[in-house]
PDB file of N, CA and C in Angstrom:
ATOM      1  N   MET A   1       1.017  -1.297   0.125  1.00  0.00           N
ATOM      2  CA  MET A   1      -0.091   0.221  -0.303  1.00  0.00           C
ATOM      3  C   MET A   1       1.140   1.283  -0.026  1.00  0.00           C
ATOM      4  N   ASP A   2       0.429   2.415  -1.039  1.00  0.00           N
ATOM      5  CA  ASP A   2       1.196   3.408  -1.147  1.00  0.00           C
ATOM      6  C   ASP A   2       0.722   4.405  -0.303  1.00  0.00           C
ATOM      7  N   ILE A   3       1.716   4.720   0.768  1.00  0.00           N
ATOM      8  CA  ILE A   3       0.999   5.982   1.671  1.00  0.00           C
ATOM      9  C   ILE A   3       1.710   7.332   1.071  1.00  0.00           C
ATOM     10  N   LEU A   4       0.939   8.264   0.789  1.00  0.00           N
ATOM     11  CA  LEU A   4       1.464   9.521   0.139  1.00  0.00           C
ATOM     12  C   LEU A   4       1.673  10.858   1.315  1.00  0.00           C
ATOM     13  N   GLU A   5       2.420  11.607   1.263  1.00  0.00           N
ATOM     14  CA  GLU A   5       2.671  12.229   2.440  1.00  0.00           C
ATOM     15  C   GLU A   5       3.135  13.628   1.854  1.00  0.00           C
ATOM     16  N   LEU A   6       2.620  15.104   2.576  1.00  0.00           N
ATOM     17  CA  LEU A   6       2.994  16.195   2.042  1.00  0.00           C
ATOM     18  C   LEU A   6       4.010  16.118   2.487  1.00  0.00           C
ATOM     19  N   THR A   7       5.128  16.987   1.561  1.00  0.00           N
ATOM     20  CA  THR A   7       6.266  17.641   1.729  1.00  0.00           C
ATOM     21  C   THR A   7       6.212  19.045   1.685  1.00  0.00           C
ATOM     22  N   PRO A   8       7.153  19.895   2.593  1.00  0.00           N
ATOM     23  CA  PRO A   8       7.414  21.440   2.812  1.00  0.00           C
ATOM     24  C   PRO A   8       7.721  21.769   1.013  1.00  0.00           C
ATOM     25  N   SER A   9       7.217  23.107   0.729  1.00  0.00           N
ATOM     26  CA  SER A   9       7.512  23.803  -0.277  1.00  0.00           C
ATOM     27  C   SER A   9       7.997  25.283   0.057  1.00  0.00           C
ATOM     28  N   GLU A  10       7.568  26.045  -1.560  1.00  0.00           N
ATOM     29  CA  GLU A  10       7.502  27.470  -0.950  1.00  0.00           C
ATOM     30  C   GLU A  10       6.325  27.772  -0.646  1.00  0.00           C
ATOM     31  N   LEU A  11       5.499  26.870  -1.110  1.00  0.00           N
ATOM     32  CA  LEU A  11       3.803  27.349  -0.717  1.00  0.00           C
ATOM     33  C   LEU A  11       3.593  26.839   0.543  1.00  0.00           C
ATOM     34  N   LEU A  12       3.958  25.669   1.074  1.00  0.00           N
ATOM     35  CA  LEU A  12       3.360  24.983   2.540  1.00  0.00           C
ATOM     36  C   LEU A  12       4.572  24.284   3.254  1.00  0.00           C
ATOM     37  N   THR A  13       4.281  24.662   4.427  1.00  0.00           N
ATOM     38  CA  THR A  13       5.572  24.682   5.017  1.00  0.00           C
ATOM     39  C   THR A  13       5.732  23.640   6.108  1.00  0.00           C
ATOM     40  N   GLN A  14       6.461  23.084   6.717  1.00  0.00           N
ATOM     41  CA  GLN A  14       6.376  21.991   7.538  1.00  0.00           C
ATOM     42  C   GLN A  14       5.386  22.050   8.999  1.00  0.00           C
ATOM     43  N   ASN A  15       5.262  23.486   9.283  1.00  0.00           N
ATOM     44  CA  ASN A  15       4.305  23.799  10.710  1.00  0.00           C
ATOM     45  C   ASN A  15       3.137  23.686  10.050  1.00  0.00           C
ATOM     46  N   GLU A  16       2.916  23.992   9.038  1.00  0.00           N
ATOM     47  CA  GLU A  16       1.300  23.867   8.273  1.00  0.00           C
ATOM     48  C   GLU A  16       0.731  22.263   7.927  1.00  0.00           C
ATOM     49  N   ILE A  17       1.780  21.567   7.286  1.00  0.00           N
ATOM     50  CA  ILE A  17       1.697  20.050   7.603  1.00  0.00           C
ATOM     51  C   ILE A  17       1.541  19.497   8.968  1.00  0.00           C
ATOM     52  N   ASP A  18       2.524  20.048   9.709  1.00  0.00           N
ATOM     53  CA  ASP A  18       2.198  19.260  11.605  1.00  0.00           C
ATOM     54  C   ASP A  18       0.794  19.963  12.118  1.00  0.00           C
ATOM     55  N   ALA A  19       0.502  21.091  11.569  1.00  0.00           N
ATOM     56  CA  ALA A  19      -1.161  21.341  12.227  1.00  0.00           C
ATOM     57  C   ALA A  19      -1.939  20.954  11.434  1.00  0.00           C
ATOM     58  N   ALA A  20      -1.953  20.393  10.496  1.00  0.00           N
ATOM     59  CA  ALA A  20      -2.661  19.596   9.553  1.00  0.00           C
ATOM     60  C   ALA A  20      -3.201  18.395   9.842  1.00  0.00           C
ATOM     61  N   LYS A  21      -2.082  17.547  10.865  1.00  0.00           N
ATOM     62  CA  LYS A  21      -2.106  16.364  11.155  1.00  0.00           C
ATOM     63  C   LYS A  21      -2.940  16.009  12.952  1.00  0.00           C
ATOM     64  N   THR A  22      -2.865  17.614  13.461  1.00  0.00           N
ATOM     65  CA  THR A  22      -3.415  17.521  14.708  1.00  0.00           C
ATOM     66  C   THR A  22      -5.155  17.205  14.387  1.00  0.00           C
ATOM     67  N   VAL A  23      -5.669  17.857  13.163  1.00  0.00           N
ATOM     68  CA  VAL A  23      -6.939  17.300  13.026  1.00  0.00           C
ATOM     69  C   VAL A  23      -7.492  16.187  13.137  1.00  0.00           C
ATOM     70  N   ARG A  24      -8.594  15.772  14.143  1.00  0.00           N
ATOM     71  CA  ARG A  24      -9.106  14.157  13.968  1.00  0.00           C
ATOM     72  C   ARG A  24     -10.617  14.048  13.433  1.00  0.00           C
ATOM     73  N   VAL A  25     -11.076  13.379  12.976  1.00  0.00           N
ATOM     74  CA  VAL A  25     -12.506  13.366  12.816  1.00  0.00           C
ATOM     75  C   VAL A  25     -12.554  12.056  12.906  1.00  0.00           C
ATOM     76  N   ALA A  26     -13.928  11.533  13.725  1.00  0.00           N
ATOM     77  CA  ALA A  26     -14.298  10.222  14.366  1.00  0.00           C
ATOM     78  C   ALA A  26     -14.494   9.510  13.253  1.00  0.00           C
ATOM     79  N   ALA A  27     -14.969  10.077  12.146  1.00  0.00           N
ATOM     80  CA  ALA A  27     -15.690   9.059  11.020  1.00  0.00           C
ATOM     81  C   ALA A  27     -15.570  10.116   9.529  1.00  0.00           C
ATOM     82  N   LEU A  28     -14.919   9.326   8.403  1.00  0.00           N
ATOM     83  CA  LEU A  28     -14.830  10.248   7.047  1.00  0.00           C
ATOM     84  C   LEU A  28     -16.533  10.096   6.628  1.00  0.00           C
ATOM     85  N   ASN A  29     -17.047  11.470   6.237  1.00  0.00           N
ATOM     86  CA  ASN A  29     -18.086  11.131   5.632  1.00  0.00           C
ATOM     87  C   ASN A  29     -18.107  12.356   4.872  1.00  0.00           C
ATOM     88  N   VAL A  30     -17.780  12.456   3.563  1.00  0.00           N
ATOM     89  CA  VAL A  30     -18.118  13.425   2.777  1.00  0.00           C
ATOM     90  C   VAL A  30     -19.203  13.869   2.498  1.00  0.00           C
ATOM     91  N   GLN A  31     -20.113  13.849   2.858  1.00  0.00           N
ATOM     92  CA  GLN A  31     -21.006  14.404   2.685  1.00  0.00           C
ATOM     93  C   GLN A  31     -21.630  15.202   3.948  1.00  0.00           C
ATOM     94  N   ASN A  32     -21.259  14.947   4.977  1.00  0.00           N
ATOM     95  CA  ASN A  32     -21.450  15.653   6.146  1.00  0.00           C
ATOM     96  C   ASN A  32     -20.789  17.227   6.023  1.00  0.00           C
ATOM     97  N   GLN A  33     -19.588  17.317   5.314  1.00  0.00           N
ATOM     98  CA  GLN A  33     -18.875  18.428   5.319  1.00  0.00           C
ATOM     99  C   GLN A  33     -18.423  19.280   6.777  1.00  0.00           C
ATOM    100  N   GLU A  34     -18.257  18.253   7.942  1.00  0.00           N
ATOM    101  CA  GLU A  34     -17.906  18.668   9.359  1.00  0.00           C
ATOM    102  C   GLU A  34     -16.931  20.199   8.899  1.00  0.00           C
ATOM    103  N   ARG A  35     -17.354  20.933  10.296  1.00  0.00           N
ATOM    104  CA  ARG A  35     -16.475  22.155  10.509  1.00  0.00           C
ATOM    105  C   ARG A  35     -14.922  22.008  11.145  1.00  0.00           C
ATOM    106  N   ILE A  36     -14.300  21.909  10.666  1.00  0.00           N
ATOM    107  CA  ILE A  36     -12.626  21.221  11.276  1.00  0.00           C
ATOM    108  C   ILE A  36     -12.547  22.790  12.026  1.00  0.00           C
ATOM    109  N   VAL A  37     -12.323  22.435  13.511  1.00  0.00           N
ATOM    110  CA  VAL A  37     -11.780  23.330  14.595  1.00  0.00           C
ATOM    111  C   VAL A  37     -10.176  22.900  14.851  1.00  0.00           C
ATOM    112  N   TRP A  38      -9.725  24.194  14.672  1.00  0.00           N
ATOM    113  CA  TRP A  38      -7.797  23.891  15.070  1.00  0.00           C
ATOM    114  C   TRP A  38      -7.702  23.739  16.219  1.00  0.00           C
ATOM    115  N   PRO A  39      -7.167  23.299  17.028  1.00  0.00           N
ATOM    116  CA  PRO A  39      -6.801  23.112  18.476  1.00  0.00           C
ATOM    117  C   PRO A  39      -5.955  24.393  18.949  1.00  0.00           C
ATOM    118  N   ASN A  40      -5.830  24.868  19.888  1.00  0.00           N
ATOM    119  CA  ASN A  40      -5.093  25.694  20.320  1.00  0.00           C
ATOM    120  C   ASN A  40      -4.098  25.373  20.907  1.00  0.00           C
ATOM    121  N   LYS A  41      -3.137  24.726  19.697  1.00  0.00           N
ATOM    122  CA  LYS A  41      -1.828  23.959  19.995  1.00  0.00           C
ATOM    123  C   LYS A  41      -0.930  24.947  19.379  1.00  0.00           C
ATOM    124  N   LEU A  42       0.417  25.105  19.929  1.00  0.00           N
ATOM    125  CA  LEU A  42       1.036  26.196  19.240  1.00  0.00           C
ATOM    126  C   LEU A  42       1.840  25.583  18.044  1.00  0.00           C
ATOM    127  N   VAL A  43       1.709  24.174  17.400  1.00  0.00           N
ATOM    128  CA  VAL A  43       2.085  24.045  16.425  1.00  0.00           C
ATOM    129  C   VAL A  43       1.246  24.865  15.040  1.00  0.00           C
ATOM    130  N   VAL A  44      -0.271  24.818  15.723  1.00  0.00           N
ATOM    131  CA  VAL A  44      -1.104  25.626  14.646  1.00  0.00           C
ATOM    132  C   VAL A  44      -0.918  26.730  14.445  1.00  0.00           C
ATOM    133  N   GLY A  45      -0.091  27.408  15.802  1.00  0.00           N
ATOM    134  CA  GLY A  45      -0.241  28.979  15.586  1.00  0.00           C
ATOM    135  C   GLY A  45       1.389  29.244  14.974  1.00  0.00           C
ATOM    136  N   LYS A  46       2.186  28.083  14.991  1.00  0.00           N
ATOM    137  CA  LYS A  46       3.473  28.589  13.909  1.00  0.00           C
ATOM    138  C   LYS A  46       2.828  28.595  12.644  1.00  0.00           C
ATOM    139  N   ALA A  47       2.196  27.661  11.920  1.00  0.00           N
ATOM    140  CA  ALA A  47       1.362  27.517  10.644  1.00  0.00           C
ATOM    141  C   ALA A  47       1.005  28.828  10.658  1.00  0.00           C
ATOM    142  N   TYR A  48      -0.293  29.277  11.478  1.00  0.00           N
ATOM    143  CA  TYR A  48      -0.536  31.058  11.070  1.00  0.00           C
ATOM    144  C   TYR A  48       0.435  31.641  10.993  1.00  0.00           C
ATOM    145  N   LEU A  49       1.592  32.015  11.517  1.00  0.00           N
ATOM    146  CA  LEU A  49       2.683  32.509  11.531  1.00  0.00           C
ATOM    147  C   LEU A  49       3.012  32.660  10.050  1.00  0.00           C
ATOM    148  N   ASP A  50       3.974  31.181   9.738  1.00  0.00           N
ATOM    149  CA  ASP A  50       3.815  31.028   8.568  1.00  0.00           C
ATOM    150  C   ASP A  50       3.257  31.751   7.152  1.00  0.00           C
ATOM    151  N   GLN A  51       2.071  31.549   7.773  1.00  0.00           N
ATOM    152  CA  GLN A  51       0.903  31.942   6.555  1.00  0.00           C
ATOM    153  C   GLN A  51       0.641  33.664   6.387  1.00  0.00           C
ATOM    154  N   LEU A  52       0.979  34.430   7.462  1.00  0.00           N
ATOM    155  CA  LEU A  52       1.148  35.340   7.774  1.00  0.00           C
ATOM    156  C   LEU A  52       2.932  35.995   7.362  1.00  0.00           C
ATOM    157  N   GLU A  53       3.840  35.278   7.347  1.00  0.00           N
ATOM    158  CA  GLU A  53       4.683  35.553   6.807  1.00  0.00           C
ATOM    159  C   GLU A  53       4.845  35.592   5.519  1.00  0.00           C
ATOM    160  N   ARG A  54       4.255  34.766   4.810  1.00  0.00           N
ATOM    161  CA  ARG A  54       4.134  34.410   3.583  1.00  0.00           C
ATOM    162  C   ARG A  54       3.209  35.669   2.672  1.00  0.00           C
ATOM    163  N   SER A  55       2.267  35.924   3.070  1.00  0.00           N
ATOM    164  CA  SER A  55       1.371  37.126   2.866  1.00  0.00           C
ATOM    165  C   SER A  55       1.975  38.621   3.144  1.00  0.00           C
ATOM    166  N   GLN A  56       3.118  38.736   4.096  1.00  0.00           N
ATOM    167  CA  GLN A  56       3.780  39.762   4.282  1.00  0.00           C
ATOM    168  C   GLN A  56       2.946  40.745   5.298  1.00  0.00           C
ATOM    169  N   ALA A  57       2.167  40.353   6.149  1.00  0.00           N
ATOM    170  CA  ALA A  57       1.042  40.731   6.688  1.00  0.00           C
ATOM    171  C   ALA A  57       1.645  41.329   8.213  1.00  0.00           C
ATOM    172  N   LEU A  58       2.589  40.660   8.567  1.00  0.00           N
ATOM    173  CA  LEU A  58       3.481  41.404   9.696  1.00  0.00           C
ATOM    174  C   LEU A  58       4.762  41.942   9.210  1.00  0.00           C
ATOM    175  N   PRO A  59       5.333  42.813  10.043  1.00  0.00           N
ATOM    176  CA  PRO A  59       7.012  42.699  10.084  1.00  0.00           C
ATOM    177  C   PRO A  59       7.742  41.784  10.653  1.00  0.00           C
ATOM    178  N   LEU A  60       8.704  41.192   9.810  1.00  0.00           N
ATOM    179  CA  LEU A  60       9.804  40.502   9.923  1.00  0.00           C
ATOM    180  C   LEU A  60      10.170  40.480  11.527  1.00  0.00           C
ATOM    181  N   GLU A  61      10.306  41.545  11.660  1.00  0.00           N
ATOM    182  CA  GLU A  61      10.952  41.409  13.584  1.00  0.00           C
ATOM    183  C   GLU A  61       9.803  41.057  14.332  1.00  0.00           C
ATOM    184  N   GLN A  62       8.386  41.675  14.053  1.00  0.00           N
ATOM    185  CA  GLN A  62       7.288  40.664  14.850  1.00  0.00           C
ATOM    186  C   GLN A  62       7.314  39.240  14.766  1.00  0.00           C
ATOM    187  N   ILE A  63       7.147  38.762  13.672  1.00  0.00           N
ATOM    188  CA  ILE A  63       7.564  36.946  13.638  1.00  0.00           C
ATOM    189  C   ILE A  63       8.399  36.500  14.161  1.00  0.00           C
ATOM    190  N   ALA A  64       9.591  37.017  13.958  1.00  0.00           N
ATOM    191  CA  ALA A  64      10.771  36.533  14.595  1.00  0.00           C
ATOM    192  C   ALA A  64      10.690  36.489  16.558  1.00  0.00           C
ATOM    193  N   ALA A  65      10.177  37.690  16.799  1.00  0.00           N
ATOM    194  CA  ALA A  65       9.887  37.481  18.458  1.00  0.00           C
ATOM    195  C   ALA A  65       8.773  36.931  18.586  1.00  0.00           C
ATOM    196  N   ILE A  66       7.603  36.702  18.131  1.00  0.00           N
ATOM    197  CA  ILE A  66       6.629  35.646  18.214  1.00  0.00           C
ATOM    198  C   ILE A  66       7.229  33.595  17.971  1.00  0.00           C
ATOM    199  N   ARG A  67       7.941  33.685  17.103  1.00  0.00           N
ATOM    200  CA  ARG A  67       8.632  32.672  16.996  1.00  0.00           C
ATOM    201  C   ARG A  67       9.631  31.954  18.275  1.00  0.00           C
ATOM    202  N   ASN A  68      10.249  32.968  18.300  1.00  0.00           N
ATOM    203  CA  ASN A  68      11.415  32.993  19.598  1.00  0.00           C
ATOM    204  C   ASN A  68      10.367  32.396  20.701  1.00  0.00           C
ATOM    205  N   ALA A  69       9.392  33.286  20.893  1.00  0.00           N
ATOM    206  CA  ALA A  69       8.161  32.925  22.139  1.00  0.00           C
ATOM    207  C   ALA A  69       7.731  31.894  22.097  1.00  0.00           C
ATOM    208  N   ILE A  70       7.243  31.334  21.083  1.00  0.00           N
ATOM    209  CA  ILE A  70       6.948  29.632  21.056  1.00  0.00           C
ATOM    210  C   ILE A  70       7.648  28.896  21.172  1.00  0.00           C
ATOM    211  N   GLN A  71       9.081  29.254  20.455  1.00  0.00           N
ATOM    212  CA  GLN A  71      10.106  28.250  20.852  1.00  0.00           C
ATOM    213  C   GLN A  71      10.480  28.236  22.454  1.00  0.00           C
ATOM    214  N   THR A  72      10.276  29.247  22.924  1.00  0.00           N
ATOM    215  CA  THR A  72      11.043  29.129  24.333  1.00  0.00           C
ATOM    216  C   THR A  72       9.894  28.487  25.399  1.00  0.00           C
ATOM    217  N   ALA A  73       8.452  28.966  25.170  1.00  0.00           N
ATOM    218  CA  ALA A  73       7.538  28.271  25.342  1.00  0.00           C
ATOM    219  C   ALA A  73       7.180  26.459  25.296  1.00  0.00           C
ATOM    220  N   GLU A  74       7.721  26.431  24.069  1.00  0.00           N
ATOM    221  CA  GLU A  74       7.752  24.871  23.946  1.00  0.00           C
ATOM    222  C   GLU A  74       8.825  23.724  24.336  1.00  0.00           C
ATOM    223  N   SER A  75      10.189  24.953  24.165  1.00  0.00           N
ATOM    224  CA  SER A  75      11.137  24.186  25.293  1.00  0.00           C
ATOM    225  C   SER A  75      11.287  24.068  26.982  1.00  0.00           C
ATOM    226  N   SER A  76      10.665  24.797  27.278  1.00  0.00           N
ATOM    227  CA  SER A  76      10.303  25.020  28.973  1.00  0.00           C
ATOM    228  C   SER A  76       8.814  24.476  29.160  1.00  0.00           C
ATOM    229  N   ASN A  77       8.395  24.820  30.394  1.00  0.00           N
ATOM    230  CA  ASN A  77       7.259  24.939  30.683  1.00  0.00           C
ATOM    231  C   ASN A  77       6.412  25.584  30.132  1.00  0.00           C
ATOM    232  N   LEU A  78       4.982  25.771  29.765  1.00  0.00           N
ATOM    233  CA  LEU A  78       4.310  26.496  29.152  1.00  0.00           C
ATOM    234  C   LEU A  78       4.234  27.954  30.178  1.00  0.00           C
ATOM    235  N   THR A  79       4.314  27.611  30.872  1.00  0.00           N
ATOM    236  CA  THR A  79       4.213  29.115  32.354  1.00  0.00           C
ATOM    237  C   THR A  79       4.990  29.769  32.224  1.00  0.00           C
ATOM    238  N   LYS A  80       6.439  29.058  32.028  1.00  0.00           N
ATOM    239  CA  LYS A  80       7.371  30.196  31.778  1.00  0.00           C
ATOM    240  C   LYS A  80       7.235  31.532  30.556  1.00  0.00           C
ATOM    241  N   GLY A  81       6.830  31.018  29.410  1.00  0.00           N
ATOM    242  CA  GLY A  81       6.659  32.164  28.253  1.00  0.00           C
ATOM    243  C   GLY A  81       5.164  32.873  28.436  1.00  0.00           C
ATOM    244  N   ARG A  82       3.983  32.206  29.231  1.00  0.00           N
ATOM    245  CA  ARG A  82       2.943  32.496  28.970  1.00  0.00           C
ATOM    246  C   ARG A  82       2.630  34.007  28.901  1.00  0.00           C
ATOM    247  N   ALA A  83       3.350  34.864  29.802  1.00  0.00           N
ATOM    248  CA  ALA A  83       3.237  36.124  29.701  1.00  0.00           C
ATOM    249  C   ALA A  83       3.473  36.987  28.696  1.00  0.00           C
ATOM    250  N   GLN A  84       4.706  36.114  28.167  1.00  0.00           N
ATOM    251  CA  GLN A  84       5.120  36.977  26.567  1.00  0.00           C
ATOM    252  C   GLN A  84       4.118  36.624  25.653  1.00  0.00           C
ATOM    253  N   LEU A  85       4.017  35.102  25.504  1.00  0.00           N
ATOM    254  CA  LEU A  85       3.039  34.709  24.542  1.00  0.00           C
ATOM    255  C   LEU A  85       1.782  35.869  24.684  1.00  0.00           C
ATOM    256  N   GLN A  86       1.049  36.039  25.909  1.00  0.00           N
ATOM    257  CA  GLN A  86      -0.228  36.831  25.822  1.00  0.00           C
ATOM    258  C   GLN A  86      -0.401  38.301  25.907  1.00  0.00           C
ATOM    259  N   GLY A  87       0.997  38.760  25.666  1.00  0.00           N
ATOM    260  CA  GLY A  87       1.295  40.072  25.476  1.00  0.00           C
ATOM    261  C   GLY A  87       1.523  40.090  23.723  1.00  0.00           C
ATOM    262  N   PHE A  88       2.010  39.580  23.244  1.00  0.00           N
ATOM    263  CA  PHE A  88       1.847  39.265  21.544  1.00  0.00           C
ATOM    264  C   PHE A  88       0.391  38.985  21.442  1.00  0.00           C
ATOM    265  N   ALA A  89      -0.647  38.433  21.984  1.00  0.00           N
ATOM    266  CA  ALA A  89      -1.817  38.036  21.438  1.00  0.00           C
ATOM    267  C   ALA A  89      -2.818  39.617  21.208  1.00  0.00           C
ATOM    268  N   ARG A  90      -2.421  40.378  22.807  1.00  0.00           N
ATOM    269  CA  ARG A  90      -3.046  41.482  22.735  1.00  0.00           C
ATOM    270  C   ARG A  90      -2.678  42.382  21.276  1.00  0.00           C
ATOM    271  N   SER A  91      -1.473  42.567  20.880  1.00  0.00           N
ATOM    272  CA  SER A  91      -0.697  43.183  19.808  1.00  0.00           C
ATOM    273  C   SER A  91      -0.917  42.797  18.574  1.00  0.00           C
ATOM    274  N   LEU A  92      -1.489  41.470  18.332  1.00  0.00           N
ATOM    275  CA  LEU A  92      -1.737  40.943  17.285  1.00  0.00           C
ATOM    276  C   LEU A  92      -3.202  41.443  17.191  1.00  0.00           C
ATOM    277  N   ARG A  93      -4.651  41.133  18.071  1.00  0.00           N
ATOM    278  CA  ARG A  93      -5.270  41.127  17.891  1.00  0.00           C
ATOM    279  C   ARG A  93      -5.771  43.145  17.651  1.00  0.00           C
ATOM    280  N   GLU A  94      -4.646  43.859  18.092  1.00  0.00           N
ATOM    281  CA  GLU A  94      -4.750  45.284  17.826  1.00  0.00           C
ATOM    282  C   GLU A  94      -4.586  45.726  16.174  1.00  0.00           C
ATOM    283  N   SER A  95      -3.383  44.710  15.556  1.00  0.00           N
ATOM    284  CA  SER A  95      -2.663  44.264  14.404  1.00  0.00           C
ATOM    285  C   SER A  95      -4.208  43.716  13.357  1.00  0.00           C
ATOM    286  N   ALA A  96      -5.118  42.785  13.954  1.00  0.00           N
ATOM    287  CA  ALA A  96      -5.971  42.542  13.064  1.00  0.00           C
ATOM    288  C   ALA A  96      -6.906  43.488  12.817  1.00  0.00           C
ATOM    289  N   THR A  97      -7.281  44.421  13.503  1.00  0.00           N
ATOM    290  CA  THR A  97      -8.353  45.565  13.272  1.00  0.00           C
ATOM    291  C   THR A  97      -7.902  46.217  11.368  1.00  0.00           C
ATOM    292  N   ASN A  98      -6.215  46.730  11.512  1.00  0.00           N
ATOM    293  CA  ASN A  98      -5.746  47.137  10.625  1.00  0.00           C
ATOM    294  C   ASN A  98      -5.217  46.213   9.357  1.00  0.00           C
ATOM    295  N   ALA A  99      -5.397  45.105   9.394  1.00  0.00           N
ATOM    296  CA  ALA A  99      -4.974  44.241   8.352  1.00  0.00           C
ATOM    297  C   ALA A  99      -5.442  44.228   7.022  1.00  0.00           C
ATOM    298  N   LYS A 100      -4.278  44.236   6.105  1.00  0.00           N
ATOM    299  CA  LYS A 100      -4.208  44.627   4.666  1.00  0.00           C
ATOM    300  C   LYS A 100      -5.851  43.275   4.259  1.00  0.00           C
ATOM    301  N   SER A 101      -5.791  42.331   4.886  1.00  0.00           N
ATOM    302  CA  SER A 101      -7.421  41.542   3.665  1.00  0.00           C
ATOM    303  C   SER A 101      -8.115  40.744   5.054  1.00  0.00           C
ATOM    304  N   ASP A 102      -9.426  40.297   5.181  1.00  0.00           N
ATOM    305  CA  ASP A 102      -9.905  39.798   5.771  1.00  0.00           C
ATOM    306  C   ASP A 102      -9.272  38.561   6.290  1.00  0.00           C
ATOM    307  N   VAL A 103      -8.540  38.162   5.545  1.00  0.00           N
ATOM    308  CA  VAL A 103      -7.902  36.477   5.764  1.00  0.00           C
ATOM    309  C   VAL A 103      -6.764  36.848   6.271  1.00  0.00           C
ATOM    310  N   ASP A 104      -6.048  37.725   6.050  1.00  0.00           N
ATOM    311  CA  ASP A 104      -5.031  37.932   6.956  1.00  0.00           C
ATOM    312  C   ASP A 104      -5.515  38.401   8.482  1.00  0.00           C
ATOM    313  N   GLY A 105      -6.340  38.900   8.910  1.00  0.00           N
ATOM    314  CA  GLY A 105      -7.015  40.186   9.726  1.00  0.00           C
ATOM    315  C   GLY A 105      -7.752  38.220  10.800  1.00  0.00           C
ATOM    316  N   LYS A 106      -8.609  37.273   9.811  1.00  0.00           N
ATOM    317  CA  LYS A 106      -8.888  36.146  10.644  1.00  0.00           C
ATOM    318  C   LYS A 106      -7.560  35.293  10.952  1.00  0.00           C
ATOM    319  N   ARG A 107      -6.613  35.453  10.244  1.00  0.00           N
ATOM    320  CA  ARG A 107      -5.505  34.540  11.038  1.00  0.00           C
ATOM    321  C   ARG A 107      -4.939  35.029  12.059  1.00  0.00           C
ATOM    322  N   MET A 108      -4.855  36.686  12.177  1.00  0.00           N
ATOM    323  CA  MET A 108      -4.091  37.326  13.276  1.00  0.00           C
ATOM    324  C   MET A 108      -5.093  36.845  14.475  1.00  0.00           C
ATOM    325  N   GLN A 109      -6.306  36.844  14.379  1.00  0.00           N
ATOM    326  CA  GLN A 109      -7.039  36.289  15.595  1.00  0.00           C
ATOM    327  C   GLN A 109      -6.945  35.241  15.715  1.00  0.00           C
ATOM    328  N   ALA A 110      -6.835  34.330  14.880  1.00  0.00           N
ATOM    329  CA  ALA A 110      -6.590  32.633  15.629  1.00  0.00           C
ATOM    330  C   ALA A 110      -5.704  33.017  16.134  1.00  0.00           C
ATOM    331  N   LEU A 111      -4.771  33.509  15.492  1.00  0.00           N
ATOM    332  CA  LEU A 111      -2.983  33.137  16.113  1.00  0.00           C
ATOM    333  C   LEU A 111      -3.207  33.562  17.471  1.00  0.00           C
ATOM    334  N   ALA A 112      -3.970  34.642  18.010  1.00  0.00           N
ATOM    335  CA  ALA A 112      -3.841  35.814  19.628  1.00  0.00           C
ATOM    336  C   ALA A 112      -4.620  35.024  20.122  1.00  0.00           C
ATOM    337  N   ASP A 113      -5.814  33.964  19.521  1.00  0.00           N
ATOM    338  CA  ASP A 113      -6.463  33.088  20.501  1.00  0.00           C
ATOM    339  C   ASP A 113      -5.546  32.047  20.750  1.00  0.00           C
ATOM    340  N   ILE A 114      -4.635  31.384  20.177  1.00  0.00           N
ATOM    341  CA  ILE A 114      -3.687  30.430  20.420  1.00  0.00           C
ATOM    342  C   ILE A 114      -2.947  30.858  21.458  1.00  0.00           C
ATOM    343  N   LEU A 115      -2.305  32.136  21.188  1.00  0.00           N
ATOM    344  CA  LEU A 115      -0.916  32.344  22.341  1.00  0.00           C
ATOM    345  C   LEU A 115      -1.741  33.133  23.829  1.00  0.00           C
ATOM    346  N   GLN A 116      -3.063  33.327  23.207  1.00  0.00           N
ATOM    347  CA  GLN A 116      -3.830  33.680  24.815  1.00  0.00           C
ATOM    348  C   GLN A 116      -3.682  32.235  25.440  1.00  0.00           C
ATOM    349  N   ARG A 117      -4.280  31.608  25.285  1.00  0.00           N
ATOM    350  CA  ARG A 117      -4.360  29.825  25.923  1.00  0.00           C
ATOM    351  C   ARG A 117      -4.195  28.985  24.885  1.00  0.00           C
ATOM    352  N   PRO A 118      -2.317  28.957  25.088  1.00  0.00           N
ATOM    353  CA  PRO A 118      -2.198  28.023  24.115  1.00  0.00           C
ATOM    354  C   PRO A 118      -1.999  26.672  25.033  1.00  0.00           C
ATOM    355  N   VAL A 119      -2.074  25.509  24.222  1.00  0.00           N
ATOM    356  CA  VAL A 119      -1.553  24.240  24.459  1.00  0.00           C
ATOM    357  C   VAL A 119       0.124  23.533  23.558  1.00  0.00           C
ATOM    358  N   LYS A 120       0.263  22.978  24.405  1.00  0.00           N
ATOM    359  CA  LYS A 120       1.762  22.251  23.471  1.00  0.00           C
ATOM    360  C   LYS A 120       1.098  21.354  22.728  1.00  0.00           C
TER     361      LYS A 120
END
């Protein structure tokens, strides 16, 4: 049996692939069209950050700072980096109101939600 798996490219990052793997469905029913709810996992946050970088919706310095905060939270216990993540969540909510596009604004809001209440 052949198994196909996505590989990272300039249009799809490893973080986005890893985030997609977090979704679980009880039973696949293509007629149901279940709504996918992304978990508040930091890997999903990294995927949103990759998308915001690709669309140039945030300054590179802010993206790097958020990435560093996520990496710190992942490598240590989550409570150590929680205050810093929550600070970024507040600034992302402000940025979302002035986003270039509705899609970028929604991504910023979703990333802010994850940073506000992250789960490893």
